[in-house]
Amino acid sequence: MNTEGYRRWKKEKEERTEKDNKIIKKKKKKKKKKKVVAQRDTNLEMKLNNNIKDTISELLDQFVNIW
């Protein structure tokens, strides 16, 4: 085996890996923080709507009973 050729190949390989490592380091990006968005609580909304409907129906029943 040609030792000079091997040395040249090994040196080129090391240079390539160094370049690749530098490129990989440059490509790493910082993670963006996720924005916290207020989520609607649909169950709570449904309960409130049902409560409102119940109170309205009770008031109507009372009104009808008065008349």
PDB file of N, CA and C in Angstrom:
ATOM      1  N   MET A   1       0.838  -1.184   0.000  1.00  0.00           N
ATOM      2  CA  MET A   1       0.000   0.000   0.000  1.00  0.00           C
ATOM      3  C   MET A   1       0.879   1.242   0.000  1.00  0.00           C
ATOM      4  N   ASN A   2       0.457   2.214  -0.749  1.00  0.00           N
ATOM      5  CA  ASN A   2       1.209   3.451  -0.864  1.00  0.00           C
ATOM      6  C   ASN A   2       0.961   4.306   0.381  1.00  0.00           C
ATOM      7  N   THR A   3       2.003   4.504   1.196  1.00  0.00           N
ATOM      8  CA  THR A   3       1.834   5.245   2.452  1.00  0.00           C
ATOM      9  C   THR A   3       1.549   6.716   2.197  1.00  0.00           C
ATOM     10  N   GLU A   4       2.140   7.283   1.154  1.00  0.00           N
ATOM     11  CA  GLU A   4       1.903   8.701   0.841  1.00  0.00           C
ATOM     12  C   GLU A   4       0.440   8.922   0.449  1.00  0.00           C
ATOM     13  N   GLY A   5      -0.076   8.037  -0.379  1.00  0.00           N
ATOM     14  CA  GLY A   5      -1.482   8.140  -0.785  1.00  0.00           C
ATOM     15  C   GLY A   5      -2.417   7.965   0.408  1.00  0.00           C
ATOM     16  N   TYR A   6      -2.071   7.050   1.299  1.00  0.00           N
ATOM     17  CA  TYR A   6      -2.892   6.819   2.484  1.00  0.00           C
ATOM     18  C   TYR A   6      -2.895   8.042   3.388  1.00  0.00           C
ATOM     19  N   ARG A   7      -1.710   8.622   3.567  1.00  0.00           N
ATOM     20  CA  ARG A   7      -1.609   9.817   4.416  1.00  0.00           C
ATOM     21  C   ARG A   7      -2.435  10.964   3.838  1.00  0.00           C
ATOM     22  N   ARG A   8      -2.349  11.141   2.517  1.00  0.00           N
ATOM     23  CA  ARG A   8      -3.112  12.204   1.855  1.00  0.00           C
ATOM     24  C   ARG A   8      -4.613  11.952   2.019  1.00  0.00           C
ATOM     25  N   TRP A   9      -5.027  10.681   1.825  1.00  0.00           N
ATOM     26  CA  TRP A   9      -6.446  10.329   1.949  1.00  0.00           C
ATOM     27  C   TRP A   9      -6.946  10.576   3.376  1.00  0.00           C
ATOM     28  N   LYS A  10      -6.108  10.177   4.355  1.00  0.00           N
ATOM     29  CA  LYS A  10      -6.504  10.350   5.753  1.00  0.00           C
ATOM     30  C   LYS A  10      -6.597  11.829   6.103  1.00  0.00           C
ATOM     31  N   LYS A  11      -5.661  12.625   5.611  1.00  0.00           N
ATOM     32  CA  LYS A  11      -5.675  14.062   5.893  1.00  0.00           C
ATOM     33  C   LYS A  11      -6.912  14.710   5.266  1.00  0.00           C
ATOM     34  N   GLU A  12      -7.231  14.342   4.017  1.00  0.00           N
ATOM     35  CA  GLU A  12      -8.418  14.885   3.351  1.00  0.00           C
ATOM     36  C   GLU A  12      -9.690  14.469   4.093  1.00  0.00           C
ATOM     37  N   LYS A  13      -9.702  13.242   4.572  1.00  0.00           N
ATOM     38  CA  LYS A  13     -10.867  12.757   5.304  1.00  0.00           C
ATOM     39  C   LYS A  13     -11.062  13.566   6.584  1.00  0.00           C
ATOM     40  N   GLU A  14      -9.984  13.824   7.306  1.00  0.00           N
ATOM     41  CA  GLU A  14     -10.077  14.619   8.534  1.00  0.00           C
ATOM     42  C   GLU A  14     -10.554  16.034   8.235  1.00  0.00           C
ATOM     43  N   GLU A  15     -10.047  16.627   7.146  1.00  0.00           N
ATOM     44  CA  GLU A  15     -10.476  17.976   6.773  1.00  0.00           C
ATOM     45  C   GLU A  15     -11.967  17.992   6.435  1.00  0.00           C
ATOM     46  N   ARG A  16     -12.406  16.959   5.717  1.00  0.00           N
ATOM     47  CA  ARG A  16     -13.831  16.886   5.355  1.00  0.00           C
ATOM     48  C   ARG A  16     -14.706  16.771   6.602  1.00  0.00           C
ATOM     49  N   THR A  17     -14.286  15.938   7.559  1.00  0.00           N
ATOM     50  CA  THR A  17     -15.097  15.782   8.770  1.00  0.00           C
ATOM     51  C   THR A  17     -15.119  17.080   9.569  1.00  0.00           C
ATOM     52  N   GLU A  18     -13.989  17.803   9.594  1.00  0.00           N
ATOM     53  CA  GLU A  18     -13.965  19.088  10.296  1.00  0.00           C
ATOM     54  C   GLU A  18     -14.923  20.074   9.634  1.00  0.00           C
ATOM     55  N   LYS A  19     -14.905  20.120   8.301  1.00  0.00           N
ATOM     56  CA  LYS A  19     -15.816  21.016   7.579  1.00  0.00           C
ATOM     57  C   LYS A  19     -17.261  20.623   7.841  1.00  0.00           C
ATOM     58  N   ASP A  20     -17.532  19.326   7.795  1.00  0.00           N
ATOM     59  CA  ASP A  20     -18.897  18.850   8.049  1.00  0.00           C
ATOM     60  C   ASP A  20     -19.353  19.221   9.457  1.00  0.00           C
ATOM     61  N   ASN A  21     -18.457  19.066  10.423  1.00  0.00           N
ATOM     62  CA  ASN A  21     -18.811  19.408  11.802  1.00  0.00           C
ATOM     63  C   ASN A  21     -19.098  20.900  11.935  1.00  0.00           C
ATOM     64  N   LYS A  22     -18.320  21.733  11.251  1.00  0.00           N
ATOM     65  CA  LYS A  22     -18.560  23.177  11.297  1.00  0.00           C
ATOM     66  C   LYS A  22     -19.909  23.508  10.672  1.00  0.00           C
ATOM     67  N   ILE A  23     -20.229  22.866   9.558  1.00  0.00           N
ATOM     68  CA  ILE A  23     -21.508  23.112   8.888  1.00  0.00           C
ATOM     69  C   ILE A  23     -22.661  22.691   9.800  1.00  0.00           C
ATOM     70  N   ILE A  24     -22.515  21.549  10.445  1.00  0.00           N
ATOM     71  CA  ILE A  24     -23.573  21.063  11.341  1.00  0.00           C
ATOM     72  C   ILE A  24     -23.765  22.040  12.498  1.00  0.00           C
ATOM     73  N   LYS A  25     -22.660  22.549  13.048  1.00  0.00           N
ATOM     74  CA  LYS A  25     -22.770  23.500  14.152  1.00  0.00           C
ATOM     75  C   LYS A  25     -23.470  24.773  13.699  1.00  0.00           C
ATOM     76  N   LYS A  26     -23.195  25.226  12.484  1.00  0.00           N
ATOM     77  CA  LYS A  26     -23.822  26.443  11.978  1.00  0.00           C
ATOM     78  C   LYS A  26     -25.308  26.237  11.730  1.00  0.00           C
ATOM     79  N   LYS A  27     -25.699  25.036  11.315  1.00  0.00           N
ATOM     80  CA  LYS A  27     -27.087  24.777  10.953  1.00  0.00           C
ATOM     81  C   LYS A  27     -28.008  24.679  12.159  1.00  0.00           C
ATOM     82  N   LYS A  28     -27.461  24.430  13.348  1.00  0.00           N
ATOM     83  CA  LYS A  28     -28.311  24.310  14.527  1.00  0.00           C
ATOM     84  C   LYS A  28     -28.980  25.646  14.795  1.00  0.00           C
ATOM     85  N   LYS A  29     -30.287  25.602  14.936  1.00  0.00           N
ATOM     86  CA  LYS A  29     -31.052  26.821  15.185  1.00  0.00           C
ATOM     87  C   LYS A  29     -31.592  26.793  16.603  1.00  0.00           C
ATOM     88  N   LYS A  30     -31.835  27.978  17.105  1.00  0.00           N
ATOM     89  CA  LYS A  30     -32.437  28.066  18.427  1.00  0.00           C
ATOM     90  C   LYS A  30     -33.904  27.698  18.328  1.00  0.00           C
ATOM     91  N   LYS A  31     -34.379  27.041  19.354  1.00  0.00           N
ATOM     92  CA  LYS A  31     -35.787  26.669  19.379  1.00  0.00           C
ATOM     93  C   LYS A  31     -36.617  27.905  19.688  1.00  0.00           C
ATOM     94  N   LYS A  32     -37.677  28.073  18.920  1.00  0.00           N
ATOM     95  CA  LYS A  32     -38.572  29.196  19.166  1.00  0.00           C
ATOM     96  C   LYS A  32     -39.517  28.831  20.299  1.00  0.00           C
ATOM     97  N   LYS A  33     -39.793  29.815  21.127  1.00  0.00           N
ATOM     98  CA  LYS A  33     -40.734  29.588  22.210  1.00  0.00           C
ATOM     99  C   LYS A  33     -42.141  29.561  21.639  1.00  0.00           C
ATOM    100  N   LYS A  34     -42.910  28.612  22.103  1.00  0.00           N
ATOM    101  CA  LYS A  34     -44.284  28.504  21.634  1.00  0.00           C
ATOM    102  C   LYS A  34     -45.132  29.542  22.351  1.00  0.00           C
ATOM    103  N   LYS A  35     -45.981  30.186  21.575  1.00  0.00           N
ATOM    104  CA  LYS A  35     -46.875  31.162  22.170  1.00  0.00           C
ATOM    105  C   LYS A  35     -48.015  30.429  22.867  1.00  0.00           C
ATOM    106  N   VAL A  36     -48.325  30.892  24.052  1.00  0.00           N
ATOM    107  CA  VAL A  36     -49.416  30.286  24.803  1.00  0.00           C
ATOM    108  C   VAL A  36     -50.700  31.002  24.413  1.00  0.00           C
ATOM    109  N   VAL A  37     -51.619  30.254  23.876  1.00  0.00           N
ATOM    110  CA  VAL A  37     -52.886  30.818  23.436  1.00  0.00           C
ATOM    111  C   VAL A  37     -53.974  30.321  24.377  1.00  0.00           C
ATOM    112  N   ALA A  38     -54.801  31.239  24.816  1.00  0.00           N
ATOM    113  CA  ALA A  38     -55.888  30.851  25.713  1.00  0.00           C
ATOM    114  C   ALA A  38     -56.866  29.958  24.960  1.00  0.00           C
ATOM    115  N   GLN A  39     -57.145  28.831  25.532  1.00  0.00           N
ATOM    116  CA  GLN A  39     -58.051  27.888  24.891  1.00  0.00           C
ATOM    117  C   GLN A  39     -59.433  28.017  25.519  1.00  0.00           C
ATOM    118  N   ARG A  40     -60.435  27.892  24.682  1.00  0.00           N
ATOM    119  CA  ARG A  40     -61.801  28.008  25.157  1.00  0.00           C
ATOM    120  C   ARG A  40     -62.211  26.708  25.834  1.00  0.00           C
ATOM    121  N   ASP A  41     -62.878  26.857  26.956  1.00  0.00           N
ATOM    122  CA  ASP A  41     -63.382  25.690  27.674  1.00  0.00           C
ATOM    123  C   ASP A  41     -64.819  25.460  27.235  1.00  0.00           C
ATOM    124  N   THR A  42     -64.996  24.565  26.268  1.00  0.00           N
ATOM    125  CA  THR A  42     -66.325  24.348  25.689  1.00  0.00           C
ATOM    126  C   THR A  42     -67.283  23.735  26.700  1.00  0.00           C
ATOM    127  N   ASN A  43     -66.774  22.877  27.570  1.00  0.00           N
ATOM    128  CA  ASN A  43     -67.653  22.271  28.578  1.00  0.00           C
ATOM    129  C   ASN A  43     -68.211  23.337  29.509  1.00  0.00           C
ATOM    130  N   LEU A  44     -67.367  24.264  29.908  1.00  0.00           N
ATOM    131  CA  LEU A  44     -67.816  25.338  30.785  1.00  0.00           C
ATOM    132  C   LEU A  44     -68.850  26.205  30.081  1.00  0.00           C
ATOM    133  N   GLU A  45     -68.597  26.497  28.812  1.00  0.00           N
ATOM    134  CA  GLU A  45     -69.550  27.300  28.042  1.00  0.00           C
ATOM    135  C   GLU A  45     -70.897  26.594  27.947  1.00  0.00           C
ATOM    136  N   MET A  46     -70.872  25.291  27.709  1.00  0.00           N
ATOM    137  CA  MET A  46     -72.125  24.542  27.604  1.00  0.00           C
ATOM    138  C   MET A  46     -72.878  24.565  28.928  1.00  0.00           C
ATOM    139  N   LYS A  47     -72.154  24.408  30.039  1.00  0.00           N
ATOM    140  CA  LYS A  47     -72.802  24.448  31.351  1.00  0.00           C
ATOM    141  C   LYS A  47     -73.432  25.811  31.597  1.00  0.00           C
ATOM    142  N   LEU A  48     -72.697  26.875  31.265  1.00  0.00           N
ATOM    143  CA  LEU A  48     -73.231  28.221  31.463  1.00  0.00           C
ATOM    144  C   LEU A  48     -74.462  28.445  30.606  1.00  0.00           C
ATOM    145  N   ASN A  49     -74.409  28.020  29.354  1.00  0.00           N
ATOM    146  CA  ASN A  49     -75.564  28.168  28.469  1.00  0.00           C
ATOM    147  C   ASN A  49     -76.765  27.406  29.011  1.00  0.00           C
ATOM    148  N   ASN A  50     -76.535  26.207  29.502  1.00  0.00           N
ATOM    149  CA  ASN A  50     -77.631  25.415  30.068  1.00  0.00           C
ATOM    150  C   ASN A  50     -78.204  26.091  31.309  1.00  0.00           C
ATOM    151  N   ASN A  51     -77.317  26.653  32.140  1.00  0.00           N
ATOM    152  CA  ASN A  51     -77.788  27.353  33.336  1.00  0.00           C
ATOM    153  C   ASN A  51     -78.623  28.563  32.954  1.00  0.00           C
ATOM    154  N   ILE A  52     -78.186  29.292  31.956  1.00  0.00           N
ATOM    155  CA  ILE A  52     -78.930  30.471  31.500  1.00  0.00           C
ATOM    156  C   ILE A  52     -80.295  30.054  30.968  1.00  0.00           C
ATOM    157  N   LYS A  53     -80.318  29.000  30.176  1.00  0.00           N
ATOM    158  CA  LYS A  53     -81.593  28.509  29.635  1.00  0.00           C
ATOM    159  C   LYS A  53     -82.530  28.077  30.760  1.00  0.00           C
ATOM    160  N   ASP A  54     -81.969  27.388  31.756  1.00  0.00           N
ATOM    161  CA  ASP A  54     -82.791  26.939  32.883  1.00  0.00           C
ATOM    162  C   ASP A  54     -83.376  28.126  33.642  1.00  0.00           C
ATOM    163  N   THR A  55     -82.562  29.129  33.891  1.00  0.00           N
ATOM    164  CA  THR A  55     -83.062  30.288  34.639  1.00  0.00           C
ATOM    165  C   THR A  55     -84.122  31.029  33.838  1.00  0.00           C
ATOM    166  N   ILE A  56     -83.922  31.153  32.538  1.00  0.00           N
ATOM    167  CA  ILE A  56     -84.918  31.828  31.697  1.00  0.00           C
ATOM    168  C   ILE A  56     -86.223  31.042  31.712  1.00  0.00           C
ATOM    169  N   SER A  57     -86.137  29.724  31.596  1.00  0.00           N
ATOM    170  CA  SER A  57     -87.363  28.914  31.595  1.00  0.00           C
ATOM    171  C   SER A  57     -88.068  29.007  32.949  1.00  0.00           C
ATOM    172  N   GLU A  58     -87.305  29.037  34.040  1.00  0.00           N
ATOM    173  CA  GLU A  58     -87.910  29.185  35.366  1.00  0.00           C
ATOM    174  C   GLU A  58     -88.604  30.535  35.497  1.00  0.00           C
ATOM    175  N   LEU A  59     -87.953  31.587  35.018  1.00  0.00           N
ATOM    176  CA  LEU A  59     -88.560  32.920  35.090  1.00  0.00           C
ATOM    177  C   LEU A  59     -89.832  32.978  34.258  1.00  0.00           C
ATOM    178  N   LEU A  60     -89.812  32.367  33.086  1.00  0.00           N
ATOM    179  CA  LEU A  60     -91.015  32.342  32.247  1.00  0.00           C
ATOM    180  C   LEU A  60     -92.138  31.566  32.932  1.00  0.00           C
ATOM    181  N   ASP A  61     -91.792  30.453  33.565  1.00  0.00           N
ATOM    182  CA  ASP A  61     -92.801  29.674  34.290  1.00  0.00           C
ATOM    183  C   ASP A  61     -93.413  30.497  35.422  1.00  0.00           C
ATOM    184  N   GLN A  62     -92.574  31.214  36.150  1.00  0.00           N
ATOM    185  CA  GLN A  62     -93.078  32.058  37.235  1.00  0.00           C
ATOM    186  C   GLN A  62     -93.968  33.162  36.682  1.00  0.00           C
ATOM    187  N   PHE A  63     -93.565  33.739  35.572  1.00  0.00           N
ATOM    188  CA  PHE A  63     -94.350  34.811  34.959  1.00  0.00           C
ATOM    189  C   PHE A  63     -95.717  34.293  34.518  1.00  0.00           C
ATOM    190  N   VAL A  64     -95.719  33.103  33.918  1.00  0.00           N
ATOM    191  CA  VAL A  64     -96.978  32.499  33.470  1.00  0.00           C
ATOM    192  C   VAL A  64     -97.861  32.170  34.673  1.00  0.00           C
ATOM    193  N   ASN A  65     -97.268  31.707  35.750  1.00  0.00           N
ATOM    194  CA  ASN A  65     -98.033  31.372  36.953  1.00  0.00           C
ATOM    195  C   ASN A  65     -98.669  32.617  37.561  1.00  0.00           C
ATOM    196  N   ILE A  66     -97.980  33.747  37.478  1.00  0.00           N
ATOM    197  CA  ILE A  66     -98.538  34.993  38.008  1.00  0.00           C
ATOM    198  C   ILE A  66     -99.768  35.384  37.206  1.00  0.00           C
ATOM    199  N   TRP A  67     -99.716  35.249  35.913  1.00  0.00           N
ATOM    200  CA  TRP A  67    -100.863  35.640  35.073  1.00  0.00           C
ATOM    201  C   TRP A  67    -101.886  34.562  35.148  1.00  0.00           C
TER     202      TRP A  67
END
